[in-house]
């Protein structure tokens, strides 16, 4: 049986110390344009869903969180959310020979 390979895509939000990233994977290798089109489609779908949801206050209907996009990609479009076990981070403004480790 042939092994299936996965292609990885990053979804991120915010910046600096508030930066958050989720990596998702898919069997299909999307081109840059295909991935942009798919993400724009997902964003539009989520906006329509939020506008129809009476439980969401009006000022929050335009805002999307990274996790909402990731959930839609995994539930509707066959992506897999990649969970990190550990992270190693190097700060270029500090001693670059030392990593900070996170669980």
PDB file of N, CA and C in Angstrom:
ATOM      1  N   UNK A   1       0.840  -1.177   0.000  1.00  0.00           N
ATOM      2  CA  UNK A   1       0.000   0.000   0.000  1.00  0.00           C
ATOM      3  C   UNK A   1       0.888   1.245   0.000  1.00  0.00           C
ATOM      4  N   UNK A   2       0.573   2.178  -0.847  1.00  0.00           N
ATOM      5  CA  UNK A   2       1.362   3.404  -0.946  1.00  0.00           C
ATOM      6  C   UNK A   2       1.087   4.307   0.253  1.00  0.00           C
ATOM      7  N   UNK A   3       2.163   4.889   0.766  1.00  0.00           N
ATOM      8  CA  UNK A   3       2.017   5.813   1.881  1.00  0.00           C
ATOM      9  C   UNK A   3       1.464   7.127   1.384  1.00  0.00           C
ATOM     10  N   UNK A   4       0.572   7.712   2.178  1.00  0.00           N
ATOM     11  CA  UNK A   4       0.037   9.022   1.835  1.00  0.00           C
ATOM     12  C   UNK A   4       0.903  10.072   2.508  1.00  0.00           C
ATOM     13  N   UNK A   5       1.211  11.100   1.762  1.00  0.00           N
ATOM     14  CA  UNK A   5       1.983  12.188   2.365  1.00  0.00           C
ATOM     15  C   UNK A   5       1.038  13.339   2.675  1.00  0.00           C
ATOM     16  N   UNK A   6       1.402  14.109   3.661  1.00  0.00           N
ATOM     17  CA  UNK A   6       0.598  15.257   4.047  1.00  0.00           C
ATOM     18  C   UNK A   6       1.332  16.544   3.697  1.00  0.00           C
ATOM     19  N   UNK A   7       0.559  17.549   3.385  1.00  0.00           N
ATOM     20  CA  UNK A   7       1.082  18.877   3.096  1.00  0.00           C
ATOM     21  C   UNK A   7       0.600  19.796   4.217  1.00  0.00           C
ATOM     22  N   UNK A   8       1.476  20.659   4.690  1.00  0.00           N
ATOM     23  CA  UNK A   8       1.202  21.445   5.884  1.00  0.00           C
ATOM     24  C   UNK A   8       0.958  22.910   5.543  1.00  0.00           C
ATOM     25  N   UNK A   9       0.002  23.491   6.275  1.00  0.00           N
ATOM     26  CA  UNK A   9      -0.406  24.877   6.062  1.00  0.00           C
ATOM     27  C   UNK A   9      -0.539  25.544   7.418  1.00  0.00           C
ATOM     28  N   UNK A  10      -0.162  26.794   7.498  1.00  0.00           N
ATOM     29  CA  UNK A  10      -0.176  27.526   8.756  1.00  0.00           C
ATOM     30  C   UNK A  10      -1.284  28.572   8.750  1.00  0.00           C
ATOM     31  N   UNK A  11      -2.051  28.608   9.833  1.00  0.00           N
ATOM     32  CA  UNK A  11      -3.082  29.624  10.035  1.00  0.00           C
ATOM     33  C   UNK A  11      -2.661  30.382  11.294  1.00  0.00           C
ATOM     34  N   UNK A  12      -2.489  31.690  11.191  1.00  0.00           N
ATOM     35  CA  UNK A  12      -2.024  32.441  12.354  1.00  0.00           C
ATOM     36  C   UNK A  12      -2.858  33.694  12.559  1.00  0.00           C
ATOM     37  N   UNK A  13      -2.698  34.268  13.748  1.00  0.00           N
ATOM     38  CA  UNK A  13      -3.384  35.512  14.080  1.00  0.00           C
ATOM     39  C   UNK A  13      -2.533  36.309  15.060  1.00  0.00           C
ATOM     40  N   UNK A  14      -2.795  37.574  15.125  1.00  0.00           N
ATOM     41  CA  UNK A  14      -2.134  38.512  16.034  1.00  0.00           C
ATOM     42  C   UNK A  14      -0.638  38.616  15.738  1.00  0.00           C
ATOM     43  N   UNK A  15       0.076  39.322  16.626  1.00  0.00           N
ATOM     44  CA  UNK A  15       1.512  39.472  16.424  1.00  0.00           C
ATOM     45  C   UNK A  15       2.236  39.656  17.749  1.00  0.00           C
ATOM     46  N   UNK A  16       3.534  39.613  17.686  1.00  0.00           N
ATOM     47  CA  UNK A  16       4.425  39.731  18.838  1.00  0.00           C
ATOM     48  C   UNK A  16       4.071  38.692  19.895  1.00  0.00           C
ATOM     49  N   UNK A  17       3.959  39.087  21.167  1.00  0.00           N
ATOM     50  CA  UNK A  17       3.712  38.090  22.214  1.00  0.00           C
ATOM     51  C   UNK A  17       2.304  37.508  22.159  1.00  0.00           C
ATOM     52  N   UNK A  18       1.406  38.111  21.409  1.00  0.00           N
ATOM     53  CA  UNK A  18       0.046  37.585  21.251  1.00  0.00           C
ATOM     54  C   UNK A  18      -0.088  36.667  20.034  1.00  0.00           C
ATOM     55  N   UNK A  19       1.003  36.465  19.303  1.00  0.00           N
ATOM     56  CA  UNK A  19       0.989  35.649  18.087  1.00  0.00           C
ATOM     57  C   UNK A  19       0.566  34.216  18.411  1.00  0.00           C
ATOM     58  N   UNK A  20      -0.352  33.691  17.607  1.00  0.00           N
ATOM     59  CA  UNK A  20      -0.815  32.311  17.743  1.00  0.00           C
ATOM     60  C   UNK A  20      -0.844  31.688  16.353  1.00  0.00           C
ATOM     61  N   UNK A  21      -0.466  30.420  16.287  1.00  0.00           N
ATOM     62  CA  UNK A  21      -0.411  29.718  15.011  1.00  0.00           C
ATOM     63  C   UNK A  21      -0.957  28.313  15.188  1.00  0.00           C
ATOM     64  N   UNK A  22      -1.686  27.876  14.182  1.00  0.00           N
ATOM     65  CA  UNK A  22      -2.143  26.490  14.132  1.00  0.00           C
ATOM     66  C   UNK A  22      -1.701  25.922  12.793  1.00  0.00           C
ATOM     67  N   UNK A  23      -1.144  24.734  12.837  1.00  0.00           N
ATOM     68  CA  UNK A  23      -0.736  24.056  11.612  1.00  0.00           C
ATOM     69  C   UNK A  23      -1.797  23.014  11.292  1.00  0.00           C
ATOM     70  N   UNK A  24      -2.220  23.011  10.035  1.00  0.00           N
ATOM     71  CA  UNK A  24      -3.166  22.015   9.544  1.00  0.00           C
ATOM     72  C   UNK A  24      -2.510  21.273   8.388  1.00  0.00           C
ATOM     73  N   UNK A  25      -2.999  20.067   8.134  1.00  0.00           N
ATOM     74  CA  UNK A  25      -2.420  19.253   7.057  1.00  0.00           C
ATOM     75  C   UNK A  25      -3.540  18.719   6.173  1.00  0.00           C
ATOM     76  N   UNK A  26      -3.175  18.432   4.929  1.00  0.00           N
ATOM     77  CA  UNK A  26      -4.125  17.889   3.960  1.00  0.00           C
ATOM     78  C   UNK A  26      -3.348  17.018   2.977  1.00  0.00           C
ATOM     79  N   UNK A  27      -4.015  16.018   2.455  1.00  0.00           N
ATOM     80  CA  UNK A  27      -3.365  15.165   1.453  1.00  0.00           C
ATOM     81  C   UNK A  27      -3.086  15.932   0.167  1.00  0.00           C
ATOM     82  N   UNK A  28      -3.959  16.886  -0.141  1.00  0.00           N
ATOM     83  CA  UNK A  28      -3.786  17.655  -1.375  1.00  0.00           C
ATOM     84  C   UNK A  28      -2.727  18.740  -1.174  1.00  0.00           C
ATOM     85  N   UNK A  29      -1.895  18.903  -2.173  1.00  0.00           N
ATOM     86  CA  UNK A  29      -0.934  20.000  -2.157  1.00  0.00           C
ATOM     87  C   UNK A  29      -1.570  21.165  -2.909  1.00  0.00           C
ATOM     88  N   UNK A  30      -2.107  22.101  -2.155  1.00  0.00           N
ATOM     89  CA  UNK A  30      -2.754  23.264  -2.749  1.00  0.00           C
ATOM     90  C   UNK A  30      -1.704  24.230  -3.266  1.00  0.00           C
ATOM     91  N   UNK A  31      -1.995  24.863  -4.389  1.00  0.00           N
ATOM     92  CA  UNK A  31      -1.139  25.963  -4.822  1.00  0.00           C
ATOM     93  C   UNK A  31      -1.433  27.150  -3.901  1.00  0.00           C
ATOM     94  N   UNK A  32      -0.589  28.140  -3.935  1.00  0.00           N
ATOM     95  CA  UNK A  32      -0.804  29.344  -3.135  1.00  0.00           C
ATOM     96  C   UNK A  32      -2.170  29.948  -3.457  1.00  0.00           C
ATOM     97  N   UNK A  33      -2.486  30.053  -4.734  1.00  0.00           N
ATOM     98  CA  UNK A  33      -3.769  30.637  -5.156  1.00  0.00           C
ATOM     99  C   UNK A  33      -4.947  29.784  -4.696  1.00  0.00           C
ATOM    100  N   UNK A  34      -4.847  28.472  -4.829  1.00  0.00           N
ATOM    101  CA  UNK A  34      -5.925  27.581  -4.383  1.00  0.00           C
ATOM    102  C   UNK A  34      -6.160  27.727  -2.880  1.00  0.00           C
ATOM    103  N   UNK A  35      -5.070  27.825  -2.109  1.00  0.00           N
ATOM    104  CA  UNK A  35      -5.208  27.960  -0.669  1.00  0.00           C
ATOM    105  C   UNK A  35      -5.849  29.296  -0.306  1.00  0.00           C
ATOM    106  N   UNK A  36      -5.444  30.370  -0.989  1.00  0.00           N
ATOM    107  CA  UNK A  36      -6.054  31.687  -0.757  1.00  0.00           C
ATOM    108  C   UNK A  36      -7.544  31.650  -1.066  1.00  0.00           C
ATOM    109  N   UNK A  37      -7.910  31.049  -2.184  1.00  0.00           N
ATOM    110  CA  UNK A  37      -9.317  30.964  -2.581  1.00  0.00           C
ATOM    111  C   UNK A  37     -10.108  30.166  -1.548  1.00  0.00           C
ATOM    112  N   UNK A  38      -9.550  29.046  -1.107  1.00  0.00           N
ATOM    113  CA  UNK A  38     -10.232  28.218  -0.110  1.00  0.00           C
ATOM    114  C   UNK A  38     -10.415  28.983   1.197  1.00  0.00           C
ATOM    115  N   UNK A  39      -9.376  29.660   1.662  1.00  0.00           N
ATOM    116  CA  UNK A  39      -9.503  30.413   2.918  1.00  0.00           C
ATOM    117  C   UNK A  39     -10.511  31.540   2.798  1.00  0.00           C
ATOM    118  N   UNK A  40     -10.533  32.230   1.675  1.00  0.00           N
ATOM    119  CA  UNK A  40     -11.526  33.282   1.479  1.00  0.00           C
ATOM    120  C   UNK A  40     -12.938  32.709   1.470  1.00  0.00           C
ATOM    121  N   UNK A  41     -13.105  31.524   0.900  1.00  0.00           N
ATOM    122  CA  UNK A  41     -14.400  30.850   0.904  1.00  0.00           C
ATOM    123  C   UNK A  41     -14.820  30.493   2.334  1.00  0.00           C
ATOM    124  N   UNK A  42     -13.890  29.949   3.099  1.00  0.00           N
ATOM    125  CA  UNK A  42     -14.159  29.596   4.497  1.00  0.00           C
ATOM    126  C   UNK A  42     -14.542  30.840   5.302  1.00  0.00           C
ATOM    127  N   UNK A  43     -13.818  31.926   5.111  1.00  0.00           N
ATOM    128  CA  UNK A  43     -14.108  33.172   5.822  1.00  0.00           C
ATOM    129  C   UNK A  43     -15.507  33.665   5.480  1.00  0.00           C
ATOM    130  N   UNK A  44     -15.861  33.638   4.211  1.00  0.00           N
ATOM    131  CA  UNK A  44     -17.207  34.074   3.817  1.00  0.00           C
ATOM    132  C   UNK A  44     -18.284  33.174   4.416  1.00  0.00           C
ATOM    133  N   UNK A  45     -18.061  31.869   4.405  1.00  0.00           N
ATOM    134  CA  UNK A  45     -19.022  30.935   5.006  1.00  0.00           C
ATOM    135  C   UNK A  45     -19.210  31.233   6.492  1.00  0.00           C
ATOM    136  N   UNK A  46     -18.123  31.470   7.189  1.00  0.00           N
ATOM    137  CA  UNK A  46     -18.203  31.755   8.617  1.00  0.00           C
ATOM    138  C   UNK A  46     -18.918  33.075   8.886  1.00  0.00           C
ATOM    139  N   UNK A  47     -18.669  34.085   8.067  1.00  0.00           N
ATOM    140  CA  UNK A  47     -19.348  35.373   8.238  1.00  0.00           C
ATOM    141  C   UNK A  47     -20.855  35.224   8.040  1.00  0.00           C
ATOM    142  N   UNK A  48     -21.247  34.471   7.025  1.00  0.00           N
ATOM    143  CA  UNK A  48     -22.679  34.246   6.771  1.00  0.00           C
ATOM    144  C   UNK A  48     -23.309  33.515   7.959  1.00  0.00           C
ATOM    145  N   UNK A  49     -22.628  32.487   8.459  1.00  0.00           N
ATOM    146  CA  UNK A  49     -23.138  31.739   9.612  1.00  0.00           C
ATOM    147  C   UNK A  49     -23.289  32.644  10.833  1.00  0.00           C
ATOM    148  N   UNK A  50     -22.305  33.507  11.065  1.00  0.00           N
ATOM    149  CA  UNK A  50     -22.368  34.411  12.221  1.00  0.00           C
ATOM    150  C   UNK A  50     -23.498  35.428  12.079  1.00  0.00           C
ATOM    151  N   UNK A  51     -23.701  35.939  10.865  1.00  0.00           N
ATOM    152  CA  UNK A  51     -24.769  36.922  10.656  1.00  0.00           C
ATOM    153  C   UNK A  51     -26.142  36.320  10.934  1.00  0.00           C
ATOM    154  N   UNK A  52     -26.290  35.028  10.670  1.00  0.00           N
ATOM    155  CA  UNK A  52     -27.570  34.350  10.888  1.00  0.00           C
ATOM    156  C   UNK A  52     -27.773  33.910  12.335  1.00  0.00           C
ATOM    157  N   UNK A  53     -26.710  33.934  13.133  1.00  0.00           N
ATOM    158  CA  UNK A  53     -26.773  33.423  14.508  1.00  0.00           C
ATOM    159  C   UNK A  53     -27.233  34.526  15.457  1.00  0.00           C
ATOM    160  N   UNK A  54     -28.457  34.417  15.986  1.00  0.00           N
ATOM    161  CA  UNK A  54     -28.979  35.464  16.873  1.00  0.00           C
ATOM    162  C   UNK A  54     -28.280  35.520  18.234  1.00  0.00           C
ATOM    163  N   UNK A  55     -27.530  34.484  18.583  1.00  0.00           N
ATOM    164  CA  UNK A  55     -26.856  34.474  19.880  1.00  0.00           C
ATOM    165  C   UNK A  55     -25.570  35.294  19.887  1.00  0.00           C
ATOM    166  N   UNK A  56     -25.114  35.725  18.704  1.00  0.00           N
ATOM    167  CA  UNK A  56     -23.876  36.511  18.603  1.00  0.00           C
ATOM    168  C   UNK A  56     -24.251  37.989  18.537  1.00  0.00           C
ATOM    169  N   UNK A  57     -23.653  38.780  19.421  1.00  0.00           N
ATOM    170  CA  UNK A  57     -23.931  40.213  19.416  1.00  0.00           C
ATOM    171  C   UNK A  57     -23.425  40.840  18.125  1.00  0.00           C
ATOM    172  N   UNK A  58     -24.117  41.860  17.675  1.00  0.00           N
ATOM    173  CA  UNK A  58     -23.877  42.455  16.359  1.00  0.00           C
ATOM    174  C   UNK A  58     -22.416  42.851  16.125  1.00  0.00           C
ATOM    175  N   UNK A  59     -21.784  43.480  17.110  1.00  0.00           N
ATOM    176  CA  UNK A  59     -20.401  43.952  16.892  1.00  0.00           C
ATOM    177  C   UNK A  59     -19.393  42.811  16.787  1.00  0.00           C
ATOM    178  N   UNK A  60     -19.757  41.600  17.206  1.00  0.00           N
ATOM    179  CA  UNK A  60     -18.850  40.453  17.095  1.00  0.00           C
ATOM    180  C   UNK A  60     -19.042  39.642  15.814  1.00  0.00           C
ATOM    181  N   UNK A  61     -20.036  39.980  15.029  1.00  0.00           N
ATOM    182  CA  UNK A  61     -20.344  39.184  13.838  1.00  0.00           C
ATOM    183  C   UNK A  61     -19.318  39.321  12.724  1.00  0.00           C
ATOM    184  N   UNK A  62     -18.540  40.374  12.731  1.00  0.00           N
ATOM    185  CA  UNK A  62     -17.534  40.585  11.677  1.00  0.00           C
ATOM    186  C   UNK A  62     -16.179  39.980  12.030  1.00  0.00           C
ATOM    187  N   UNK A  63     -15.968  39.643  13.293  1.00  0.00           N
ATOM    188  CA  UNK A  63     -14.664  39.163  13.737  1.00  0.00           C
ATOM    189  C   UNK A  63     -14.595  37.649  13.708  1.00  0.00           C
ATOM    190  N   UNK A  64     -13.492  37.151  13.195  1.00  0.00           N
ATOM    191  CA  UNK A  64     -13.257  35.707  13.160  1.00  0.00           C
ATOM    192  C   UNK A  64     -11.988  35.383  13.929  1.00  0.00           C
ATOM    193  N   UNK A  65     -12.022  34.278  14.618  1.00  0.00           N
ATOM    194  CA  UNK A  65     -10.847  33.786  15.333  1.00  0.00           C
ATOM    195  C   UNK A  65     -10.194  32.683  14.500  1.00  0.00           C
ATOM    196  N   UNK A  66      -8.910  32.532  14.682  1.00  0.00           N
ATOM    197  CA  UNK A  66      -8.144  31.499  13.989  1.00  0.00           C
ATOM    198  C   UNK A  66      -8.770  30.125  14.197  1.00  0.00           C
ATOM    199  N   UNK A  67      -9.179  29.835  15.426  1.00  0.00           N
ATOM    200  CA  UNK A  67      -9.732  28.514  15.724  1.00  0.00           C
ATOM    201  C   UNK A  67     -11.042  28.240  14.987  1.00  0.00           C
ATOM    202  N   UNK A  68     -11.819  29.280  14.699  1.00  0.00           N
ATOM    203  CA  UNK A  68     -13.046  29.098  13.914  1.00  0.00           C
ATOM    204  C   UNK A  68     -12.708  28.649  12.488  1.00  0.00           C
ATOM    205  N   UNK A  69     -11.690  29.273  11.923  1.00  0.00           N
ATOM    206  CA  UNK A  69     -11.258  28.928  10.570  1.00  0.00           C
ATOM    207  C   UNK A  69     -10.713  27.498  10.550  1.00  0.00           C
ATOM    208  N   UNK A  70      -9.897  27.165  11.542  1.00  0.00           N
ATOM    209  CA  UNK A  70      -9.320  25.822  11.624  1.00  0.00           C
ATOM    210  C   UNK A  70     -10.418  24.776  11.773  1.00  0.00           C
ATOM    211  N   UNK A  71     -11.399  25.051  12.615  1.00  0.00           N
ATOM    212  CA  UNK A  71     -12.496  24.096  12.806  1.00  0.00           C
ATOM    213  C   UNK A  71     -13.253  23.849  11.498  1.00  0.00           C
ATOM    214  N   UNK A  72     -13.520  24.907  10.749  1.00  0.00           N
ATOM    215  CA  UNK A  72     -14.222  24.761   9.467  1.00  0.00           C
ATOM    216  C   UNK A  72     -13.368  23.966   8.480  1.00  0.00           C
ATOM    217  N   UNK A  73     -12.066  24.239   8.443  1.00  0.00           N
ATOM    218  CA  UNK A  73     -11.175  23.501   7.544  1.00  0.00           C
ATOM    219  C   UNK A  73     -11.166  22.009   7.877  1.00  0.00           C
ATOM    220  N   UNK A  74     -11.210  21.686   9.170  1.00  0.00           N
ATOM    221  CA  UNK A  74     -11.147  20.278   9.564  1.00  0.00           C
ATOM    222  C   UNK A  74     -12.496  19.578   9.418  1.00  0.00           C
ATOM    223  N   UNK A  75     -13.574  20.257   9.738  1.00  0.00           N
ATOM    224  CA  UNK A  75     -14.881  19.590   9.695  1.00  0.00           C
ATOM    225  C   UNK A  75     -15.480  19.521   8.295  1.00  0.00           C
ATOM    226  N   UNK A  76     -15.193  20.493   7.465  1.00  0.00           N
ATOM    227  CA  UNK A  76     -15.829  20.528   6.146  1.00  0.00           C
ATOM    228  C   UNK A  76     -14.890  20.211   4.984  1.00  0.00           C
ATOM    229  N   UNK A  77     -13.610  20.492   5.139  1.00  0.00           N
ATOM    230  CA  UNK A  77     -12.703  20.400   3.992  1.00  0.00           C
ATOM    231  C   UNK A  77     -11.602  19.349   4.139  1.00  0.00           C
ATOM    232  N   UNK A  78     -11.695  18.501   5.134  1.00  0.00           N
ATOM    233  CA  UNK A  78     -10.795  17.360   5.236  1.00  0.00           C
ATOM    234  C   UNK A  78      -9.386  17.635   5.739  1.00  0.00           C
ATOM    235  N   UNK A  79      -9.175  18.788   6.351  1.00  0.00           N
ATOM    236  CA  UNK A  79      -7.869  19.079   6.923  1.00  0.00           C
ATOM    237  C   UNK A  79      -7.741  18.375   8.268  1.00  0.00           C
ATOM    238  N   UNK A  80      -6.517  18.188   8.703  1.00  0.00           N
ATOM    239  CA  UNK A  80      -6.215  17.608  10.009  1.00  0.00           C
ATOM    240  C   UNK A  80      -5.478  18.678  10.803  1.00  0.00           C
ATOM    241  N   UNK A  81      -5.931  18.920  12.029  1.00  0.00           N
ATOM    242  CA  UNK A  81      -5.239  19.874  12.898  1.00  0.00           C
ATOM    243  C   UNK A  81      -4.040  19.165  13.523  1.00  0.00           C
ATOM    244  N   UNK A  82      -2.873  19.776  13.379  1.00  0.00           N
ATOM    245  CA  UNK A  82      -1.651  19.202  13.925  1.00  0.00           C
ATOM    246  C   UNK A  82      -1.439  19.759  15.330  1.00  0.00           C
ATOM    247  N   UNK A  83      -1.368  18.857  16.286  1.00  0.00           N
ATOM    248  CA  UNK A  83      -1.156  19.258  17.667  1.00  0.00           C
ATOM    249  C   UNK A  83       0.328  19.128  17.994  1.00  0.00           C
ATOM    250  N   UNK A  84       0.910  20.167  18.536  1.00  0.00           N
ATOM    251  CA  UNK A  84       2.317  20.137  18.941  1.00  0.00           C
ATOM    252  C   UNK A  84       2.436  19.493  20.309  1.00  0.00           C
ATOM    253  N   UNK A  85       3.439  18.657  20.465  1.00  0.00           N
ATOM    254  CA  UNK A  85       3.725  18.108  21.785  1.00  0.00           C
ATOM    255  C   UNK A  85       4.576  19.099  22.569  1.00  0.00           C
ATOM    256  N   UNK A  86       5.607  19.605  21.915  1.00  0.00           N
ATOM    257  CA  UNK A  86       6.514  20.545  22.551  1.00  0.00           C
ATOM    258  C   UNK A  86       6.908  21.603  21.532  1.00  0.00           C
ATOM    259  N   UNK A  87       7.244  22.764  22.031  1.00  0.00           N
ATOM    260  CA  UNK A  87       7.716  23.839  21.162  1.00  0.00           C
ATOM    261  C   UNK A  87       9.045  24.345  21.687  1.00  0.00           C
ATOM    262  N   UNK A  88       9.921  24.677  20.781  1.00  0.00           N
ATOM    263  CA  UNK A  88      11.186  25.312  21.140  1.00  0.00           C
ATOM    264  C   UNK A  88      11.211  26.674  20.456  1.00  0.00           C
ATOM    265  N   UNK A  89      11.527  27.706  21.226  1.00  0.00           N
ATOM    266  CA  UNK A  89      11.504  29.075  20.705  1.00  0.00           C
ATOM    267  C   UNK A  89      12.851  29.733  20.985  1.00  0.00           C
ATOM    268  N   UNK A  90      13.375  30.399  19.976  1.00  0.00           N
ATOM    269  CA  UNK A  90      14.626  31.131  20.151  1.00  0.00           C
ATOM    270  C   UNK A  90      14.314  32.612  19.956  1.00  0.00           C
ATOM    271  N   UNK A  91      14.785  33.426  20.856  1.00  0.00           N
ATOM    272  CA  UNK A  91      14.546  34.864  20.805  1.00  0.00           C
ATOM    273  C   UNK A  91      15.790  35.533  20.219  1.00  0.00           C
ATOM    274  N   UNK A  92      15.678  36.164  19.052  1.00  0.00           N
ATOM    275  CA  UNK A  92      16.857  36.769  18.420  1.00  0.00           C
ATOM    276  C   UNK A  92      17.416  37.955  19.200  1.00  0.00           C
ATOM    277  N   UNK A  93      16.645  38.457  20.171  1.00  0.00           N
ATOM    278  CA  UNK A  93      17.106  39.599  20.958  1.00  0.00           C
ATOM    279  C   UNK A  93      17.835  39.156  22.227  1.00  0.00           C
ATOM    280  N   UNK A  94      17.832  37.852  22.488  1.00  0.00           N
ATOM    281  CA  UNK A  94      18.533  37.313  23.647  1.00  0.00           C
ATOM    282  C   UNK A  94      19.633  36.382  23.155  1.00  0.00           C
ATOM    283  N   UNK A  95      20.226  35.646  24.048  1.00  0.00           N
ATOM    284  CA  UNK A  95      21.280  34.696  23.696  1.00  0.00           C
ATOM    285  C   UNK A  95      20.713  33.684  22.706  1.00  0.00           C
ATOM    286  N   UNK A  96      21.144  33.767  21.466  1.00  0.00           N
ATOM    287  CA  UNK A  96      20.559  32.930  20.417  1.00  0.00           C
ATOM    288  C   UNK A  96      20.989  31.471  20.498  1.00  0.00           C
ATOM    289  N   UNK A  97      21.829  31.133  21.458  1.00  0.00           N
ATOM    290  CA  UNK A  97      22.212  29.729  21.609  1.00  0.00           C
ATOM    291  C   UNK A  97      21.289  29.007  22.582  1.00  0.00           C
ATOM    292  N   UNK A  98      20.336  29.726  23.157  1.00  0.00           N
ATOM    293  CA  UNK A  98      19.433  29.139  24.140  1.00  0.00           C
ATOM    294  C   UNK A  98      17.995  29.156  23.632  1.00  0.00           C
ATOM    295  N   UNK A  99      17.368  27.997  23.711  1.00  0.00           N
ATOM    296  CA  UNK A  99      15.963  27.885  23.357  1.00  0.00           C
ATOM    297  C   UNK A  99      15.120  27.984  24.614  1.00  0.00           C
ATOM    298  N   UNK A 100      13.902  28.479  24.472  1.00  0.00           N
ATOM    299  CA  UNK A 100      12.895  28.394  25.526  1.00  0.00           C
ATOM    300  C   UNK A 100      11.992  27.239  25.106  1.00  0.00           C
ATOM    301  N   UNK A 101      11.696  26.373  26.028  1.00  0.00           N
ATOM    302  CA  UNK A 101      10.895  25.197  25.709  1.00  0.00           C
ATOM    303  C   UNK A 101       9.523  25.311  26.361  1.00  0.00           C
ATOM    304  N   UNK A 102       8.506  24.858  25.610  1.00  0.00           N
ATOM    305  CA  UNK A 102       7.114  24.927  26.068  1.00  0.00           C
ATOM    306  C   UNK A 102       6.434  23.603  25.806  1.00  0.00           C
ATOM    307  N   UNK A 103       5.488  23.281  26.671  1.00  0.00           N
ATOM    308  CA  UNK A 103       4.667  22.077  26.457  1.00  0.00           C
ATOM    309  C   UNK A 103       3.401  22.486  25.773  1.00  0.00           C
TER     310      UNK A 103
END
